[in-house]
C-alpha cells in the first residue's frame, strides 16, 4: 500500500466517523436539548436548520466556553 492510499483511507475513514457522529448528535442529542429549552420557557436555538448549521451552532455553544476569544456572543 502506498503512502497516498494510506492517507486517502485515513481521511475517508475520518470523514465517515465524523458523518456518523454528526448524524447521532443531530438526531439523538439536539431534540433532547430542544425539549429542555422548551420546558424552560426558551425558544429553540435556531428555528431553521440550513445544511446542519443549527447543529454546528449548538455544538459550538457547548464546546466553546464563555470568556474564550472565539465566543463573541458570550453564549454559555
N, C-alpha and C. Protein backbone atom coordinates (compact mmCIF):
# COMPACT_ATOMS: atom_id res chain seq x y z
N UNK A 1 0.86 -1.17 0.00
CA UNK A 1 0.00 0.00 0.00
C UNK A 1 0.91 1.24 0.00
N UNK A 2 0.62 2.15 -0.89
CA UNK A 2 1.42 3.37 -0.98
C UNK A 2 1.00 4.36 0.09
N UNK A 3 1.82 5.36 0.30
CA UNK A 3 1.51 6.37 1.30
C UNK A 3 0.27 7.17 0.89
N UNK A 4 0.09 7.39 -0.41
CA UNK A 4 -1.09 8.11 -0.88
C UNK A 4 -2.37 7.34 -0.57
N UNK A 5 -2.33 6.05 -0.77
CA UNK A 5 -3.50 5.22 -0.47
C UNK A 5 -3.78 5.20 1.03
N UNK A 6 -2.73 5.17 1.82
CA UNK A 6 -2.89 5.18 3.27
C UNK A 6 -3.50 6.50 3.75
N UNK A 7 -3.03 7.61 3.19
CA UNK A 7 -3.59 8.92 3.54
C UNK A 7 -5.05 9.01 3.10
N UNK A 8 -5.35 8.51 1.90
CA UNK A 8 -6.72 8.53 1.40
C UNK A 8 -7.65 7.71 2.29
N UNK A 9 -7.23 6.52 2.65
CA UNK A 9 -8.05 5.67 3.52
C UNK A 9 -8.22 6.31 4.89
N UNK A 10 -7.18 6.94 5.40
CA UNK A 10 -7.27 7.60 6.71
C UNK A 10 -8.27 8.74 6.68
N UNK A 11 -8.18 9.60 5.66
CA UNK A 11 -9.11 10.72 5.56
C UNK A 11 -10.54 10.25 5.30
N UNK A 12 -10.69 9.23 4.49
CA UNK A 12 -12.03 8.70 4.22
C UNK A 12 -12.65 8.12 5.48
N UNK A 13 -11.88 7.38 6.25
CA UNK A 13 -12.42 6.82 7.49
C UNK A 13 -12.72 7.92 8.50
N UNK A 14 -11.88 8.95 8.58
CA UNK A 14 -12.16 10.07 9.46
C UNK A 14 -13.43 10.80 9.05
N UNK A 15 -13.63 10.97 7.74
CA UNK A 15 -14.85 11.61 7.24
C UNK A 15 -16.08 10.78 7.59
N UNK A 16 -16.01 9.48 7.42
CA UNK A 16 -17.16 8.63 7.72
C UNK A 16 -17.49 8.64 9.21
N UNK A 17 -16.48 8.59 10.06
CA UNK A 17 -16.72 8.66 11.50
C UNK A 17 -17.33 10.00 11.87
N UNK A 18 -16.84 11.09 11.28
CA UNK A 18 -17.40 12.42 11.55
C UNK A 18 -18.85 12.51 11.10
N UNK A 19 -19.15 11.96 9.94
CA UNK A 19 -20.52 11.99 9.43
C UNK A 19 -21.46 11.21 10.34
N UNK A 20 -21.03 10.07 10.81
CA UNK A 20 -21.86 9.27 11.72
C UNK A 20 -22.09 10.00 13.03
N UNK A 21 -21.03 10.59 13.59
CA UNK A 21 -21.18 11.33 14.85
C UNK A 21 -22.05 12.57 14.68
N UNK A 22 -21.95 13.25 13.54
CA UNK A 22 -22.80 14.40 13.24
C UNK A 22 -24.27 13.96 13.22
N UNK A 23 -24.55 12.83 12.56
CA UNK A 23 -25.91 12.31 12.48
C UNK A 23 -26.44 11.95 13.87
N UNK A 24 -25.63 11.27 14.67
CA UNK A 24 -26.05 10.88 16.03
C UNK A 24 -26.32 12.12 16.87
N UNK A 25 -25.46 13.11 16.79
CA UNK A 25 -25.65 14.33 17.58
C UNK A 25 -26.89 15.08 17.13
N UNK A 26 -27.10 15.20 15.82
CA UNK A 26 -28.22 16.00 15.33
C UNK A 26 -29.57 15.32 15.54
N UNK A 27 -29.62 14.00 15.50
CA UNK A 27 -30.90 13.32 15.68
C UNK A 27 -31.07 12.67 17.04
N UNK A 28 -30.02 12.60 17.83
CA UNK A 28 -30.12 11.99 19.15
C UNK A 28 -30.07 12.99 20.28
N UNK A 29 -29.19 13.97 20.17
CA UNK A 29 -28.96 14.90 21.27
C UNK A 29 -29.74 16.21 21.10
N UNK A 30 -29.78 16.74 19.89
CA UNK A 30 -30.43 18.04 19.65
C UNK A 30 -31.91 18.03 20.04
N UNK A 31 -32.70 16.99 19.72
CA UNK A 31 -34.09 17.00 20.17
C UNK A 31 -34.23 17.05 21.69
N UNK A 32 -33.32 16.41 22.41
CA UNK A 32 -33.37 16.47 23.88
C UNK A 32 -33.06 17.88 24.37
N UNK A 33 -32.10 18.53 23.73
CA UNK A 33 -31.77 19.92 24.09
C UNK A 33 -32.96 20.82 23.79
N UNK A 34 -33.60 20.64 22.63
CA UNK A 34 -34.77 21.44 22.28
C UNK A 34 -35.89 21.25 23.30
N UNK A 35 -36.13 20.01 23.71
CA UNK A 35 -37.20 19.75 24.68
C UNK A 35 -36.90 20.43 26.01
N UNK A 36 -35.65 20.36 26.47
CA UNK A 36 -35.29 21.02 27.73
C UNK A 36 -35.42 22.53 27.62
N UNK A 37 -35.10 23.10 26.46
CA UNK A 37 -35.24 24.54 26.26
C UNK A 37 -36.70 24.96 26.27
N UNK A 38 -37.56 24.18 25.62
CA UNK A 38 -38.99 24.50 25.59
C UNK A 38 -39.58 24.36 26.99
N UNK A 39 -39.17 23.33 27.73
CA UNK A 39 -39.65 23.16 29.11
C UNK A 39 -39.21 24.31 30.01
N UNK A 40 -38.06 24.91 29.71
CA UNK A 40 -37.56 26.03 30.50
C UNK A 40 -38.15 27.36 30.04
N UNK A 41 -38.98 27.35 28.99
CA UNK A 41 -39.61 28.57 28.51
C UNK A 41 -38.80 29.34 27.48
N UNK A 42 -37.75 28.75 26.98
CA UNK A 42 -36.92 29.40 25.96
C UNK A 42 -37.36 28.95 24.57
N UNK A 43 -37.02 29.75 23.57
CA UNK A 43 -37.30 29.33 22.20
C UNK A 43 -36.16 28.44 21.72
N UNK A 44 -36.38 27.80 20.60
CA UNK A 44 -35.32 26.96 20.03
C UNK A 44 -34.12 27.83 19.69
N UNK A 45 -32.94 27.22 19.69
CA UNK A 45 -31.71 27.96 19.42
C UNK A 45 -31.75 28.61 18.04
N UNK A 46 -32.33 27.95 17.10
CA UNK A 46 -32.45 28.47 15.74
C UNK A 46 -33.65 27.76 15.12
N UNK A 47 -34.65 28.49 14.65
CA UNK A 47 -35.87 27.83 14.18
C UNK A 47 -35.67 26.97 12.93
N UNK A 48 -34.71 27.30 12.09
CA UNK A 48 -34.49 26.51 10.88
C UNK A 48 -33.08 25.94 10.89
N UNK A 49 -32.93 24.81 10.24
CA UNK A 49 -31.62 24.18 10.14
C UNK A 49 -31.23 24.12 8.67
N UNK A 50 -30.37 25.03 8.27
CA UNK A 50 -29.92 25.09 6.89
C UNK A 50 -28.57 24.39 6.80
N UNK A 51 -28.55 23.24 6.14
CA UNK A 51 -27.32 22.47 5.91
C UNK A 51 -26.59 22.12 7.20
N UNK A 52 -27.31 21.92 8.30
CA UNK A 52 -26.67 21.50 9.54
C UNK A 52 -26.03 22.61 10.34
N UNK A 53 -26.29 23.86 9.98
CA UNK A 53 -25.68 24.97 10.70
C UNK A 53 -26.22 25.09 12.12
N UNK A 54 -27.46 24.68 12.34
CA UNK A 54 -28.02 24.72 13.69
C UNK A 54 -27.26 23.75 14.60
N UNK A 55 -26.93 22.59 14.08
CA UNK A 55 -26.15 21.62 14.84
C UNK A 55 -24.77 22.19 15.15
N UNK A 56 -24.16 22.85 14.18
CA UNK A 56 -22.85 23.45 14.39
C UNK A 56 -22.92 24.55 15.44
N UNK A 57 -23.98 25.37 15.41
CA UNK A 57 -24.13 26.46 16.37
C UNK A 57 -24.29 25.91 17.79
N UNK A 58 -25.09 24.88 17.98
CA UNK A 58 -25.30 24.30 19.30
C UNK A 58 -24.03 23.60 19.77
N UNK A 59 -23.34 22.89 18.89
CA UNK A 59 -22.09 22.23 19.27
C UNK A 59 -21.03 23.26 19.67
N UNK A 60 -21.01 24.40 18.99
CA UNK A 60 -20.06 25.45 19.35
C UNK A 60 -20.39 26.04 20.71
N UNK A 61 -21.68 26.25 20.98
CA UNK A 61 -22.08 26.79 22.29
C UNK A 61 -21.72 25.81 23.41
N UNK A 62 -21.78 24.52 23.13
CA UNK A 62 -21.41 23.53 24.14
C UNK A 62 -19.90 23.44 24.27
N UNK A 63 -19.19 23.49 23.16
CA UNK A 63 -17.76 23.24 23.18
C UNK A 63 -16.88 24.44 23.49
N UNK A 64 -17.36 25.66 23.20
CA UNK A 64 -16.54 26.85 23.41
C UNK A 64 -17.06 27.57 24.66
N UNK A 65 -16.29 27.58 25.73
CA UNK A 65 -16.78 28.18 26.98
C UNK A 65 -16.81 29.71 26.93
N UNK A 66 -17.55 30.29 27.87
CA UNK A 66 -17.59 31.75 27.98
C UNK A 66 -16.19 32.25 28.32
N UNK A 67 -15.86 33.43 27.84
CA UNK A 67 -14.56 34.00 28.10
C UNK A 67 -13.53 33.62 27.05
N UNK A 68 -13.86 32.68 26.18
CA UNK A 68 -12.97 32.29 25.11
C UNK A 68 -13.05 33.34 24.01
N UNK A 69 -11.95 33.75 23.41
CA UNK A 69 -12.00 34.76 22.33
C UNK A 69 -12.85 34.34 21.14
N UNK A 70 -13.05 33.04 20.93
CA UNK A 70 -13.89 32.59 19.83
C UNK A 70 -15.37 32.73 20.13
N UNK A 71 -15.74 32.92 21.39
CA UNK A 71 -17.13 33.04 21.79
C UNK A 71 -17.48 34.52 21.92
N UNK A 72 -17.79 35.16 20.79
CA UNK A 72 -18.02 36.60 20.76
C UNK A 72 -19.35 36.99 21.41
N UNK A 73 -20.35 36.12 21.33
CA UNK A 73 -21.67 36.47 21.84
C UNK A 73 -21.82 36.22 23.33
N UNK A 74 -20.88 35.58 23.95
CA UNK A 74 -20.99 35.26 25.37
C UNK A 74 -21.98 34.15 25.65
N UNK A 75 -22.15 33.24 24.68
CA UNK A 75 -23.07 32.13 24.88
C UNK A 75 -22.55 31.20 25.96
N UNK A 76 -23.40 30.86 26.92
CA UNK A 76 -22.94 29.92 27.96
C UNK A 76 -22.86 28.50 27.43
